[in-house]
Structures are given as C-alpha cells and as structure tokens.
Amino acid sequence: MEPDYYDGDIVLVSQKAELSHGDVGIFIINNDAYIKEYGETELISRNPDADNIIISEYDNIVCMGKVVGKYVWRNVQRI
C-alpha cells in the first residue's frame, strides 16, 4: 500500500481494535492479503496504481485487525 507502506516494512496490527471508516486494516480476501483503508462500501487503496475493492463483490472478507504502526528497516548493509 505504497506510499504509506513499502515492501519490507513490518506492519504493527491490533487484532482487538474495531475499525472505523478511514482506519487502515489488514484484510484477507479469497486467500490474498491486503492493506487497505476501510470505507463504507469499499476497501480504499492509497496507492494510485491499485484499485479499490468493492466490499459487496466478495463472499469471503476477513479483517485481521487495525494497522496501528510500522517498523521501517531501510539501507541496511550486510557485513
């Protein structure tokens, strides 16, 4: 979900938090995981290159939790 989260970022998730509209969550749809903003009728992508997902299109949507932070690991040199 670039530009907020990049490949390699570690996302911190609260499994007990309830999502409100505008919150970002981890969603499993047909065995694929997505980080999306929770909207009233769709899961919203903040990445302009990715499509929003209309919630009613899918029979099997599971919310794994609310994204509450991230750990960014960048520019590490191996020795």
PDB file of N, CA and C in Angstrom:
ATOM      1  N   MET A   1       0.836  -1.179   0.000  1.00  0.00           N
ATOM      2  CA  MET A   1       0.000   0.000   0.000  1.00  0.00           C
ATOM      3  C   MET A   1       0.875   1.234   0.000  1.00  0.00           C
ATOM      4  N   GLU A   2       1.754   1.273  -0.970  1.00  0.00           N
ATOM      5  CA  GLU A   2       2.547   2.484  -1.132  1.00  0.00           C
ATOM      6  C   GLU A   2       1.598   3.654  -1.378  1.00  0.00           C
ATOM      7  N   PRO A   3       1.856   4.817  -0.956  1.00  0.00           N
ATOM      8  CA  PRO A   3       3.103   5.356  -0.433  1.00  0.00           C
ATOM      9  C   PRO A   3       3.260   5.250   1.081  1.00  0.00           C
ATOM     10  N   ASP A   4       2.292   4.631   1.780  1.00  0.00           N
ATOM     11  CA  ASP A   4       2.371   4.550   3.241  1.00  0.00           C
ATOM     12  C   ASP A   4       3.188   3.358   3.736  1.00  0.00           C
ATOM     13  N   TYR A   5       3.104   2.249   3.025  1.00  0.00           N
ATOM     14  CA  TYR A   5       3.782   1.022   3.423  1.00  0.00           C
ATOM     15  C   TYR A   5       4.502   0.456   2.211  1.00  0.00           C
ATOM     16  N   TYR A   6       5.744   0.023   2.419  1.00  0.00           N
ATOM     17  CA  TYR A   6       6.569  -0.478   1.323  1.00  0.00           C
ATOM     18  C   TYR A   6       6.977  -1.917   1.590  1.00  0.00           C
ATOM     19  N   ASP A   7       7.362  -2.602   0.532  1.00  0.00           N
ATOM     20  CA  ASP A   7       7.859  -3.964   0.636  1.00  0.00           C
ATOM     21  C   ASP A   7       9.002  -3.997   1.648  1.00  0.00           C
ATOM     22  N   GLY A   8       8.907  -4.863   2.632  1.00  0.00           N
ATOM     23  CA  GLY A   8       9.928  -4.966   3.668  1.00  0.00           C
ATOM     24  C   GLY A   8       9.551  -4.290   4.972  1.00  0.00           C
ATOM     25  N   ASP A   9       8.578  -3.365   4.949  1.00  0.00           N
ATOM     26  CA  ASP A   9       8.111  -2.758   6.191  1.00  0.00           C
ATOM     27  C   ASP A   9       7.420  -3.820   7.038  1.00  0.00           C
ATOM     28  N   ILE A  10       7.551  -3.696   8.338  1.00  0.00           N
ATOM     29  CA  ILE A  10       6.841  -4.573   9.261  1.00  0.00           C
ATOM     30  C   ILE A  10       5.663  -3.782   9.807  1.00  0.00           C
ATOM     31  N   VAL A  11       4.465  -4.296   9.578  1.00  0.00           N
ATOM     32  CA  VAL A  11       3.245  -3.602   9.967  1.00  0.00           C
ATOM     33  C   VAL A  11       2.803  -4.094  11.338  1.00  0.00           C
ATOM     34  N   LEU A  12       2.489  -3.164  12.230  1.00  0.00           N
ATOM     35  CA  LEU A  12       2.010  -3.491  13.571  1.00  0.00           C
ATOM     36  C   LEU A  12       0.488  -3.473  13.551  1.00  0.00           C
ATOM     37  N   VAL A  13      -0.128  -4.553  14.016  1.00  0.00           N
ATOM     38  CA  VAL A  13      -1.573  -4.719  13.902  1.00  0.00           C
ATOM     39  C   VAL A  13      -2.170  -5.028  15.268  1.00  0.00           C
ATOM     40  N   SER A  14      -3.260  -4.337  15.593  1.00  0.00           N
ATOM     41  CA  SER A  14      -4.033  -4.658  16.789  1.00  0.00           C
ATOM     42  C   SER A  14      -5.200  -5.538  16.363  1.00  0.00           C
ATOM     43  N   GLN A  15      -5.193  -6.771  16.824  1.00  0.00           N
ATOM     44  CA  GLN A  15      -6.259  -7.696  16.450  1.00  0.00           C
ATOM     45  C   GLN A  15      -7.541  -7.438  17.231  1.00  0.00           C
ATOM     46  N   LYS A  16      -7.458  -6.686  18.316  1.00  0.00           N
ATOM     47  CA  LYS A  16      -8.634  -6.436  19.150  1.00  0.00           C
ATOM     48  C   LYS A  16      -9.333  -5.127  18.805  1.00  0.00           C
ATOM     49  N   ALA A  17      -8.689  -4.270  18.049  1.00  0.00           N
ATOM     50  CA  ALA A  17      -9.271  -2.970  17.730  1.00  0.00           C
ATOM     51  C   ALA A  17     -10.383  -3.115  16.696  1.00  0.00           C
ATOM     52  N   GLU A  18     -11.444  -2.338  16.873  1.00  0.00           N
ATOM     53  CA  GLU A  18     -12.513  -2.292  15.885  1.00  0.00           C
ATOM     54  C   GLU A  18     -12.202  -1.194  14.886  1.00  0.00           C
ATOM     55  N   LEU A  19     -12.486  -1.459  13.626  1.00  0.00           N
ATOM     56  CA  LEU A  19     -12.208  -0.481  12.585  1.00  0.00           C
ATOM     57  C   LEU A  19     -13.376   0.482  12.415  1.00  0.00           C
ATOM     58  N   SER A  20     -13.038   1.746  12.242  1.00  0.00           N
ATOM     59  CA  SER A  20     -13.996   2.776  11.863  1.00  0.00           C
ATOM     60  C   SER A  20     -13.667   3.193  10.444  1.00  0.00           C
ATOM     61  N   HIS A  21     -14.623   3.825   9.785  1.00  0.00           N
ATOM     62  CA  HIS A  21     -14.363   4.307   8.434  1.00  0.00           C
ATOM     63  C   HIS A  21     -13.145   5.226   8.457  1.00  0.00           C
ATOM     64  N   GLY A  22     -12.203   4.991   7.541  1.00  0.00           N
ATOM     65  CA  GLY A  22     -10.970   5.768   7.474  1.00  0.00           C
ATOM     66  C   GLY A  22      -9.778   5.084   8.115  1.00  0.00           C
ATOM     67  N   ASP A  23     -10.029   4.063   8.940  1.00  0.00           N
ATOM     68  CA  ASP A  23      -8.929   3.301   9.537  1.00  0.00           C
ATOM     69  C   ASP A  23      -8.310   2.381   8.494  1.00  0.00           C
ATOM     70  N   VAL A  24      -7.046   2.043   8.698  1.00  0.00           N
ATOM     71  CA  VAL A  24      -6.354   1.115   7.807  1.00  0.00           C
ATOM     72  C   VAL A  24      -6.306  -0.244   8.486  1.00  0.00           C
ATOM     73  N   GLY A  25      -6.625  -1.270   7.721  1.00  0.00           N
ATOM     74  CA  GLY A  25      -6.643  -2.614   8.272  1.00  0.00           C
ATOM     75  C   GLY A  25      -5.979  -3.616   7.351  1.00  0.00           C
ATOM     76  N   ILE A  26      -5.804  -4.816   7.885  1.00  0.00           N
ATOM     77  CA  ILE A  26      -5.314  -5.952   7.106  1.00  0.00           C
ATOM     78  C   ILE A  26      -6.538  -6.808   6.777  1.00  0.00           C
ATOM     79  N   PHE A  27      -6.742  -7.057   5.493  1.00  0.00           N
ATOM     80  CA  PHE A  27      -7.906  -7.808   5.044  1.00  0.00           C
ATOM     81  C   PHE A  27      -7.461  -9.015   4.233  1.00  0.00           C
ATOM     82  N   ILE A  28      -8.109 -10.138   4.470  1.00  0.00           N
ATOM     83  CA  ILE A  28      -7.881 -11.346   3.683  1.00  0.00           C
ATOM     84  C   ILE A  28      -9.107 -11.524   2.788  1.00  0.00           C
ATOM     85  N   ILE A  29      -8.863 -11.560   1.483  1.00  0.00           N
ATOM     86  CA  ILE A  29      -9.940 -11.728   0.509  1.00  0.00           C
ATOM     87  C   ILE A  29      -9.532 -12.856  -0.430  1.00  0.00           C
ATOM     88  N   ASN A  30     -10.309 -13.932  -0.404  1.00  0.00           N
ATOM     89  CA  ASN A  30     -10.016 -15.088  -1.264  1.00  0.00           C
ATOM     90  C   ASN A  30      -8.555 -15.526  -1.145  1.00  0.00           C
ATOM     91  N   ASN A  31      -8.073 -15.624   0.085  1.00  0.00           N
ATOM     92  CA  ASN A  31      -6.715 -16.091   0.415  1.00  0.00           C
ATOM     93  C   ASN A  31      -5.600 -15.124   0.031  1.00  0.00           C
ATOM     94  N   ASP A  32      -5.917 -13.891  -0.332  1.00  0.00           N
ATOM     95  CA  ASP A  32      -4.911 -12.861  -0.595  1.00  0.00           C
ATOM     96  C   ASP A  32      -5.012 -11.792   0.484  1.00  0.00           C
ATOM     97  N   ALA A  33      -3.862 -11.272   0.949  1.00  0.00           N
ATOM     98  CA  ALA A  33      -3.838 -10.255   1.998  1.00  0.00           C
ATOM     99  C   ALA A  33      -3.690  -8.865   1.393  1.00  0.00           C
ATOM    100  N   TYR A  34      -4.403  -7.915   1.968  1.00  0.00           N
ATOM    101  CA  TYR A  34      -4.366  -6.528   1.512  1.00  0.00           C
ATOM    102  C   TYR A  34      -4.267  -5.602   2.715  1.00  0.00           C
ATOM    103  N   ILE A  35      -3.545  -4.499   2.543  1.00  0.00           N
ATOM    104  CA  ILE A  35      -3.574  -3.391   3.496  1.00  0.00           C
ATOM    105  C   ILE A  35      -4.382  -2.304   2.809  1.00  0.00           C
ATOM    106  N   LYS A  36      -5.552  -2.001   3.366  1.00  0.00           N
ATOM    107  CA  LYS A  36      -6.457  -1.039   2.737  1.00  0.00           C
ATOM    108  C   LYS A  36      -7.125  -0.182   3.803  1.00  0.00           C
ATOM    109  N   GLU A  37      -7.579   0.983   3.367  1.00  0.00           N
ATOM    110  CA  GLU A  37      -8.385   1.848   4.224  1.00  0.00           C
ATOM    111  C   GLU A  37      -9.825   1.351   4.193  1.00  0.00           C
ATOM    112  N   TYR A  38     -10.436   1.268   5.357  1.00  0.00           N
ATOM    113  CA  TYR A  38     -11.804   0.773   5.466  1.00  0.00           C
ATOM    114  C   TYR A  38     -12.785   1.883   5.132  1.00  0.00           C
ATOM    115  N   GLY A  39     -13.577   1.666   4.096  1.00  0.00           N
ATOM    116  CA  GLY A  39     -14.605   2.624   3.707  1.00  0.00           C
ATOM    117  C   GLY A  39     -15.984   2.039   3.924  1.00  0.00           C
ATOM    118  N   GLU A  40     -16.989   2.842   3.687  1.00  0.00           N
ATOM    119  CA  GLU A  40     -18.368   2.411   3.931  1.00  0.00           C
ATOM    120  C   GLU A  40     -18.772   1.235   3.036  1.00  0.00           C
ATOM    121  N   THR A  41     -18.412   1.301   1.759  1.00  0.00           N
ATOM    122  CA  THR A  41     -18.810   0.250   0.818  1.00  0.00           C
ATOM    123  C   THR A  41     -17.633  -0.372   0.085  1.00  0.00           C
ATOM    124  N   GLU A  42     -16.423   0.079   0.406  1.00  0.00           N
ATOM    125  CA  GLU A  42     -15.257  -0.434  -0.305  1.00  0.00           C
ATOM    126  C   GLU A  42     -14.015  -0.349   0.567  1.00  0.00           C
ATOM    127  N   LEU A  43     -13.013  -1.108   0.173  1.00  0.00           N
ATOM    128  CA  LEU A  43     -11.691  -1.004   0.771  1.00  0.00           C
ATOM    129  C   LEU A  43     -10.886  -0.103  -0.148  1.00  0.00           C
ATOM    130  N   ILE A  44     -10.368   0.979   0.398  1.00  0.00           N
ATOM    131  CA  ILE A  44      -9.775   2.054  -0.388  1.00  0.00           C
ATOM    132  C   ILE A  44      -8.264   1.916  -0.413  1.00  0.00           C
ATOM    133  N   SER A  45      -7.705   1.994  -1.611  1.00  0.00           N
ATOM    134  CA  SER A  45      -6.260   1.943  -1.779  1.00  0.00           C
ATOM    135  C   SER A  45      -5.705   3.357  -1.777  1.00  0.00           C
ATOM    136  N   ARG A  46      -4.667   3.580  -1.007  1.00  0.00           N
ATOM    137  CA  ARG A  46      -3.982   4.877  -1.034  1.00  0.00           C
ATOM    138  C   ARG A  46      -2.931   4.920  -2.127  1.00  0.00           C
ATOM    139  N   ASN A  47      -2.685   3.777  -2.746  1.00  0.00           N
ATOM    140  CA  ASN A  47      -1.763   3.695  -3.873  1.00  0.00           C
ATOM    141  C   ASN A  47      -2.554   4.002  -5.141  1.00  0.00           C
ATOM    142  N   PRO A  48      -2.187   5.059  -5.863  1.00  0.00           N
ATOM    143  CA  PRO A  48      -2.950   5.418  -7.063  1.00  0.00           C
ATOM    144  C   PRO A  48      -2.879   4.362  -8.165  1.00  0.00           C
ATOM    145  N   ASP A  49      -1.919   3.449  -8.088  1.00  0.00           N
ATOM    146  CA  ASP A  49      -1.795   2.394  -9.098  1.00  0.00           C
ATOM    147  C   ASP A  49      -2.619   1.147  -8.767  1.00  0.00           C
ATOM    148  N   ALA A  50      -3.233   1.113  -7.603  1.00  0.00           N
ATOM    149  CA  ALA A  50      -4.027  -0.050  -7.187  1.00  0.00           C
ATOM    150  C   ALA A  50      -5.504   0.338  -7.109  1.00  0.00           C
ATOM    151  N   ASP A  51      -6.354  -0.608  -7.454  1.00  0.00           N
ATOM    152  CA  ASP A  51      -7.796  -0.363  -7.446  1.00  0.00           C
ATOM    153  C   ASP A  51      -8.376  -0.508  -6.048  1.00  0.00           C
ATOM    154  N   ASN A  52      -9.469   0.227  -5.810  1.00  0.00           N
ATOM    155  CA  ASN A  52     -10.263  -0.001  -4.613  1.00  0.00           C
ATOM    156  C   ASN A  52     -10.994  -1.329  -4.779  1.00  0.00           C
ATOM    157  N   ILE A  53     -11.422  -1.913  -3.672  1.00  0.00           N
ATOM    158  CA  ILE A  53     -12.134  -3.184  -3.713  1.00  0.00           C
ATOM    159  C   ILE A  53     -13.539  -2.958  -3.166  1.00  0.00           C
ATOM    160  N   ILE A  54     -14.535  -3.194  -4.009  1.00  0.00           N
ATOM    161  CA  ILE A  54     -15.922  -3.073  -3.578  1.00  0.00           C
ATOM    162  C   ILE A  54     -16.224  -4.245  -2.639  1.00  0.00           C
ATOM    163  N   ILE A  55     -16.672  -3.936  -1.447  1.00  0.00           N
ATOM    164  CA  ILE A  55     -16.867  -4.967  -0.427  1.00  0.00           C
ATOM    165  C   ILE A  55     -17.920  -5.985  -0.844  1.00  0.00           C
ATOM    166  N   SER A  56     -18.984  -5.576  -1.476  1.00  0.00           N
ATOM    167  CA  SER A  56     -20.067  -6.499  -1.813  1.00  0.00           C
ATOM    168  C   SER A  56     -19.693  -7.501  -2.906  1.00  0.00           C
ATOM    169  N   GLU A  57     -18.562  -7.307  -3.564  1.00  0.00           N
ATOM    170  CA  GLU A  57     -18.147  -8.217  -4.631  1.00  0.00           C
ATOM    171  C   GLU A  57     -17.613  -9.544  -4.091  1.00  0.00           C
ATOM    172  N   TYR A  58     -17.266  -9.599  -2.841  1.00  0.00           N
ATOM    173  CA  TYR A  58     -16.563 -10.759  -2.310  1.00  0.00           C
ATOM    174  C   TYR A  58     -17.384 -11.445  -1.231  1.00  0.00           C
ATOM    175  N   ASP A  59     -17.418 -12.753  -1.286  1.00  0.00           N
ATOM    176  CA  ASP A  59     -18.138 -13.521  -0.279  1.00  0.00           C
ATOM    177  C   ASP A  59     -17.305 -13.730   0.972  1.00  0.00           C
ATOM    178  N   ASN A  60     -15.994 -13.709   0.829  1.00  0.00           N
ATOM    179  CA  ASN A  60     -15.124 -14.105   1.929  1.00  0.00           C
ATOM    180  C   ASN A  60     -14.110 -13.009   2.240  1.00  0.00           C
ATOM    181  N   ILE A  61     -14.506 -12.031   3.058  1.00  0.00           N
ATOM    182  CA  ILE A  61     -13.595 -10.977   3.516  1.00  0.00           C
ATOM    183  C   ILE A  61     -13.402 -11.158   5.018  1.00  0.00           C
ATOM    184  N   VAL A  62     -12.146 -11.220   5.445  1.00  0.00           N
ATOM    185  CA  VAL A  62     -11.825 -11.335   6.862  1.00  0.00           C
ATOM    186  C   VAL A  62     -10.921 -10.170   7.227  1.00  0.00           C
ATOM    187  N   CYS A  63     -11.299  -9.429   8.271  1.00  0.00           N
ATOM    188  CA  CYS A  63     -10.441  -8.354   8.779  1.00  0.00           C
ATOM    189  C   CYS A  63      -9.559  -8.947   9.870  1.00  0.00           C
ATOM    190  N   MET A  64      -8.243  -8.894   9.652  1.00  0.00           N
ATOM    191  CA  MET A  64      -7.300  -9.450  10.614  1.00  0.00           C
ATOM    192  C   MET A  64      -6.979  -8.468  11.740  1.00  0.00           C
ATOM    193  N   GLY A  65      -7.252  -7.179  11.523  1.00  0.00           N
ATOM    194  CA  GLY A  65      -7.000  -6.196  12.561  1.00  0.00           C
ATOM    195  C   GLY A  65      -6.719  -4.825  11.993  1.00  0.00           C
ATOM    196  N   LYS A  66      -6.537  -3.890  12.898  1.00  0.00           N
ATOM    197  CA  LYS A  66      -6.283  -2.489  12.556  1.00  0.00           C
ATOM    198  C   LYS A  66      -4.780  -2.227  12.560  1.00  0.00           C
ATOM    199  N   VAL A  67      -4.299  -1.571  11.516  1.00  0.00           N
ATOM    200  CA  VAL A  67      -2.888  -1.190  11.458  1.00  0.00           C
ATOM    201  C   VAL A  67      -2.678  -0.026  12.423  1.00  0.00           C
ATOM    202  N   VAL A  68      -1.757  -0.201  13.371  1.00  0.00           N
ATOM    203  CA  VAL A  68      -1.511   0.821  14.386  1.00  0.00           C
ATOM    204  C   VAL A  68      -0.107   1.411  14.297  1.00  0.00           C
ATOM    205  N   GLY A  69       0.716   0.876  13.401  1.00  0.00           N
ATOM    206  CA  GLY A  69       2.066   1.409  13.246  1.00  0.00           C
ATOM    207  C   GLY A  69       2.863   0.572  12.271  1.00  0.00           C
ATOM    208  N   LYS A  70       4.120   0.964  12.105  1.00  0.00           N
ATOM    209  CA  LYS A  70       5.003   0.192  11.234  1.00  0.00           C
ATOM    210  C   LYS A  70       6.437   0.342  11.705  1.00  0.00           C
ATOM    211  N   TYR A  71       7.232  -0.649  11.380  1.00  0.00           N
ATOM    212  CA  TYR A  71       8.661  -0.634  11.647  1.00  0.00           C
ATOM    213  C   TYR A  71       9.344  -0.628  10.295  1.00  0.00           C
ATOM    214  N   VAL A  72      10.154   0.396  10.061  1.00  0.00           N
ATOM    215  CA  VAL A  72      10.803   0.558   8.760  1.00  0.00           C
ATOM    216  C   VAL A  72      12.263   0.171   8.882  1.00  0.00           C
ATOM    217  N   TRP A  73      12.690  -0.726   8.032  1.00  0.00           N
ATOM    218  CA  TRP A  73      14.059  -1.228   8.012  1.00  0.00           C
ATOM    219  C   TRP A  73      14.628  -0.871   6.656  1.00  0.00           C
ATOM    220  N   ARG A  74      15.494   0.145   6.599  1.00  0.00           N
ATOM    221  CA  ARG A  74      15.998   0.618   5.315  1.00  0.00           C
ATOM    222  C   ARG A  74      17.521   0.750   5.340  1.00  0.00           C
ATOM    223  N   ASN A  75      18.101   0.610   4.179  1.00  0.00           N
ATOM    224  CA  ASN A  75      19.521   0.880   3.955  1.00  0.00           C
ATOM    225  C   ASN A  75      20.440   0.130   4.919  1.00  0.00           C
ATOM    226  N   VAL A  76      20.148  -1.117   5.114  1.00  0.00           N
ATOM    227  CA  VAL A  76      20.986  -1.943   5.976  1.00  0.00           C
ATOM    228  C   VAL A  76      22.065  -2.585   5.115  1.00  0.00           C
ATOM    229  N   GLN A  77      23.309  -2.473   5.569  1.00  0.00           N
ATOM    230  CA  GLN A  77      24.415  -3.088   4.848  1.00  0.00           C
ATOM    231  C   GLN A  77      24.809  -4.374   5.555  1.00  0.00           C
ATOM    232  N   ARG A  78      24.866  -5.438   4.801  1.00  0.00           N
ATOM    233  CA  ARG A  78      25.292  -6.713   5.375  1.00  0.00           C
ATOM    234  C   ARG A  78      26.812  -6.755   5.403  1.00  0.00           C
ATOM    235  N   ILE A  79      27.358  -7.358   6.457  1.00  0.00           N
ATOM    236  CA  ILE A  79      28.817  -7.475   6.562  1.00  0.00           C
ATOM    237  C   ILE A  79      29.222  -8.923   6.583  1.00  0.00           C
TER     238      ILE A  79
END
